[in-house]
Amino acid sequence: MKKFTLPLIAGVSASVTIGFLLYLGVTLSNTTLIMAPFGATAVLVFGLPKSPLAQPKNVILGHLITAFIGVFFVEFIGVSQMSLAVATGLGVSGMLLTKTTHPPAGANPLLIMMSGQTWLFLLTPVLTGAVIIVLMGKVMQLFQDKLVVKC
């Protein structure tokens, strides 16, 4: 039973969280609280919650650092093949130097630069979405711990 319980709870948790972000963003605030890298974040936060890469500091700061780099390049350097490559490398280095490595965040400079995002993108969806995912991860982890013990 345990073989199926953990993957099922992780999948349901990811669905509920992504659905919640979509609901909050569209229905309540008419803003974007979701971005593609959050799908990969959900794999780590809900599927491998004890991984160092899934810890709150890594999720939140990893996304913020790489997103900041992406917006910085859009605003001050420009978008080219070379700047996309350099920004991605800086994002990887930045996370490693600050011990906030979160692999899904490595996509942020590419996403942000290719879609021309502004500083507001750091607040929504990056910060708000990452914090909500982390909080939902903690809630779901409590639920998962109780359920798995009973199985």
Protein backbone atom coordinates (compact mmCIF):
# COMPACT_ATOMS: atom_id res chain seq x y z
CA MET A 1 0.00 0.00 0.00
CA LYS A 2 2.82 2.44 0.89
CA LYS A 3 4.23 1.94 -2.64
CA PHE A 4 1.17 3.67 -4.10
CA THR A 5 0.24 6.02 -1.25
CA LEU A 6 3.21 8.39 -1.51
CA PRO A 7 3.03 8.92 -5.29
CA LEU A 8 -0.74 9.34 -5.14
CA ILE A 9 -0.57 11.92 -2.34
CA ALA A 10 2.26 13.77 -4.14
CA GLY A 11 0.25 13.91 -7.37
CA VAL A 12 -2.92 15.06 -5.65
CA SER A 13 -0.95 17.64 -3.66
CA ALA A 14 0.66 19.01 -6.82
CA SER A 15 -2.74 19.19 -8.56
CA VAL A 16 -4.40 20.91 -5.63
CA THR A 17 -1.58 23.43 -5.27
CA ILE A 18 -1.32 24.31 -8.96
CA GLY A 19 -5.13 24.52 -9.14
CA PHE A 20 -5.14 26.77 -6.08
CA LEU A 21 -2.55 29.10 -7.64
CA LEU A 22 -4.58 29.26 -10.85
CA TYR A 23 -7.79 29.92 -8.93
CA LEU A 24 -6.25 32.64 -6.77
CA GLY A 25 -4.57 34.29 -9.71
CA VAL A 26 -7.45 34.35 -12.14
CA THR A 27 -10.54 34.41 -9.97
CA LEU A 28 -9.54 36.53 -7.01
CA SER A 29 -6.81 38.88 -8.15
CA ASN A 30 -6.81 38.77 -11.96
CA THR A 31 -3.05 38.26 -11.99
CA THR A 32 -0.65 35.45 -12.79
CA LEU A 33 0.51 33.28 -9.89
CA ILE A 34 1.76 30.42 -12.03
CA MET A 35 4.71 29.83 -14.30
CA ALA A 36 5.99 26.70 -16.02
CA PRO A 37 8.94 26.06 -13.66
CA PHE A 38 6.43 25.63 -10.82
CA GLY A 39 5.44 22.29 -12.34
CA ALA A 40 8.96 21.03 -11.76
CA THR A 41 9.01 22.67 -8.33
CA ALA A 42 5.91 20.63 -7.45
CA VAL A 43 7.77 17.41 -8.30
CA LEU A 44 10.42 18.23 -5.71
CA VAL A 45 8.24 19.80 -3.02
CA PHE A 46 5.55 17.11 -3.07
CA GLY A 47 7.44 14.10 -4.41
CA LEU A 48 10.78 14.52 -2.63
CA PRO A 49 10.00 16.86 0.28
CA LYS A 50 13.06 15.89 2.31
CA SER A 51 15.46 16.64 -0.55
CA PRO A 52 17.75 19.62 0.08
CA LEU A 53 16.58 20.95 -3.28
CA ALA A 54 12.97 21.07 -2.05
CA GLN A 55 13.56 23.04 1.16
CA PRO A 56 11.76 26.38 1.58
CA LYS A 57 14.97 28.44 1.39
CA ASN A 58 15.96 26.73 -1.85
CA VAL A 59 12.53 26.99 -3.45
CA ILE A 60 11.89 30.63 -2.60
CA LEU A 61 15.38 32.09 -2.91
CA GLY A 62 16.35 29.89 -5.86
CA HIS A 63 13.35 31.22 -7.80
CA LEU A 64 13.95 34.82 -6.68
CA ILE A 65 17.66 34.87 -7.51
CA THR A 66 17.26 33.43 -10.99
CA ALA A 67 14.18 35.53 -11.71
CA PHE A 68 16.03 38.67 -10.63
CA ILE A 69 18.84 37.80 -13.06
CA GLY A 70 16.32 37.28 -15.85
CA VAL A 71 14.58 40.62 -15.28
CA PHE A 72 17.91 42.39 -14.86
CA PHE A 73 19.00 41.16 -18.28
CA VAL A 74 15.69 42.19 -19.86
CA GLU A 75 15.90 45.67 -18.36
CA PHE A 76 19.60 46.47 -18.68
CA ILE A 77 21.40 44.10 -21.04
CA GLY A 78 18.92 42.88 -23.61
CA VAL A 79 17.93 39.50 -24.93
CA SER A 80 20.14 37.65 -27.37
CA GLN A 81 21.46 34.14 -27.74
CA MET A 82 24.53 35.11 -25.78
CA SER A 83 22.67 36.91 -22.99
CA LEU A 84 20.23 33.99 -22.59
CA ALA A 85 23.19 31.65 -22.12
CA VAL A 86 25.05 33.99 -19.76
CA ALA A 87 21.96 34.71 -17.63
CA THR A 88 21.26 31.00 -17.26
CA GLY A 89 24.85 30.38 -16.18
CA LEU A 90 24.70 33.25 -13.72
CA GLY A 91 21.49 31.82 -12.29
CA VAL A 92 23.14 28.44 -11.73
CA SER A 93 26.20 30.09 -10.16
CA GLY A 94 24.06 32.38 -8.02
CA MET A 95 22.08 29.50 -6.56
CA LEU A 96 25.20 27.44 -5.89
CA LEU A 97 27.05 30.36 -4.27
CA THR A 98 24.12 31.13 -1.98
CA LYS A 99 23.40 27.46 -1.23
CA THR A 100 19.86 27.87 -2.56
CA THR A 101 20.01 25.40 -5.43
CA HIS A 102 16.58 24.58 -6.83
CA PRO A 103 16.86 23.05 -10.33
CA PRO A 104 13.44 24.18 -11.61
CA ALA A 105 14.52 27.79 -11.00
CA GLY A 106 17.27 27.33 -13.58
CA ALA A 107 14.58 27.85 -16.23
CA ASN A 108 13.59 31.27 -14.89
CA PRO A 109 16.09 33.44 -16.78
CA LEU A 110 15.09 31.79 -20.06
CA LEU A 111 11.37 32.10 -19.37
CA ILE A 112 11.62 35.70 -18.18
CA MET A 113 13.93 36.91 -20.91
CA MET A 114 12.09 35.19 -23.75
CA SER A 115 8.76 36.63 -22.58
CA GLY A 116 10.11 40.09 -21.69
CA GLN A 117 8.97 40.23 -18.07
CA THR A 118 9.38 43.24 -15.79
CA TRP A 119 10.25 43.73 -12.11
CA LEU A 120 6.63 43.06 -11.10
CA PHE A 121 7.14 39.44 -12.22
CA LEU A 122 9.39 38.99 -9.15
CA LEU A 123 6.37 39.60 -6.91
CA THR A 124 3.78 37.75 -8.97
CA PRO A 125 4.15 34.99 -9.83
CA VAL A 126 7.68 34.30 -8.55
CA LEU A 127 7.62 35.24 -4.85
CA THR A 128 3.91 34.77 -4.20
CA GLY A 129 3.74 31.48 -6.08
CA ALA A 130 6.89 30.04 -4.50
CA VAL A 131 5.71 30.93 -0.98
CA ILE A 132 2.29 29.37 -1.58
CA ILE A 133 3.89 26.19 -2.96
CA VAL A 134 6.15 25.95 0.10
CA LEU A 135 3.24 26.50 2.50
CA MET A 136 1.07 23.95 0.69
CA GLY A 137 4.01 21.56 0.76
CA LYS A 138 4.23 21.85 4.55
CA VAL A 139 0.47 21.33 4.95
CA MET A 140 0.47 18.34 2.61
CA GLN A 141 3.53 16.88 4.36
CA LEU A 142 1.64 16.87 7.67
CA PHE A 143 -1.30 15.15 5.98
CA GLN A 144 0.99 12.68 4.23
CA ASP A 145 2.84 11.80 7.44
CA LYS A 146 -0.43 11.04 9.24
CA LEU A 147 -1.84 8.99 6.35
CA VAL A 148 1.30 6.97 5.65
CA VAL A 149 1.65 6.06 9.33
CA LYS A 150 -1.85 4.61 9.27
CA CYS A 151 -1.29 2.59 6.06
